[in-house]
């Protein structure tokens, strides 16, 4: 998983991205 991708909201794991933003 790419930290930049997650933080950017880009699509490897939308659930993780949502959890980080929550």
Protein backbone atom coordinates (compact mmCIF):
# COMPACT_ATOMS: atom_id res chain seq x y z
CA UNK A 1 0.00 0.00 0.00
CA UNK A 2 1.26 3.44 -0.88
CA UNK A 3 1.06 6.05 1.84
CA UNK A 4 0.73 8.81 -0.75
CA UNK A 5 -2.05 6.92 -2.49
CA UNK A 6 -3.94 6.40 0.76
CA UNK A 7 -3.49 9.96 1.94
CA UNK A 8 -4.46 11.24 -1.49
CA UNK A 9 -7.60 9.09 -1.38
CA UNK A 10 -6.41 7.08 -4.34
CA UNK A 11 -7.91 3.78 -4.52
CA UNK A 12 -5.81 0.91 -3.28
CA UNK A 13 -7.85 0.67 -0.07
CA UNK A 14 -10.77 3.11 0.16
CA UNK A 15 -11.76 1.70 3.54
CA UNK A 16 -8.34 2.48 4.98
CA UNK A 17 -8.45 5.94 3.47
CA UNK A 18 -11.84 6.52 5.05
CA UNK A 19 -10.56 5.29 8.40
CA UNK A 20 -7.60 7.67 8.27
CA UNK A 21 -9.81 10.61 7.39
CA UNK A 22 -12.38 9.73 10.04
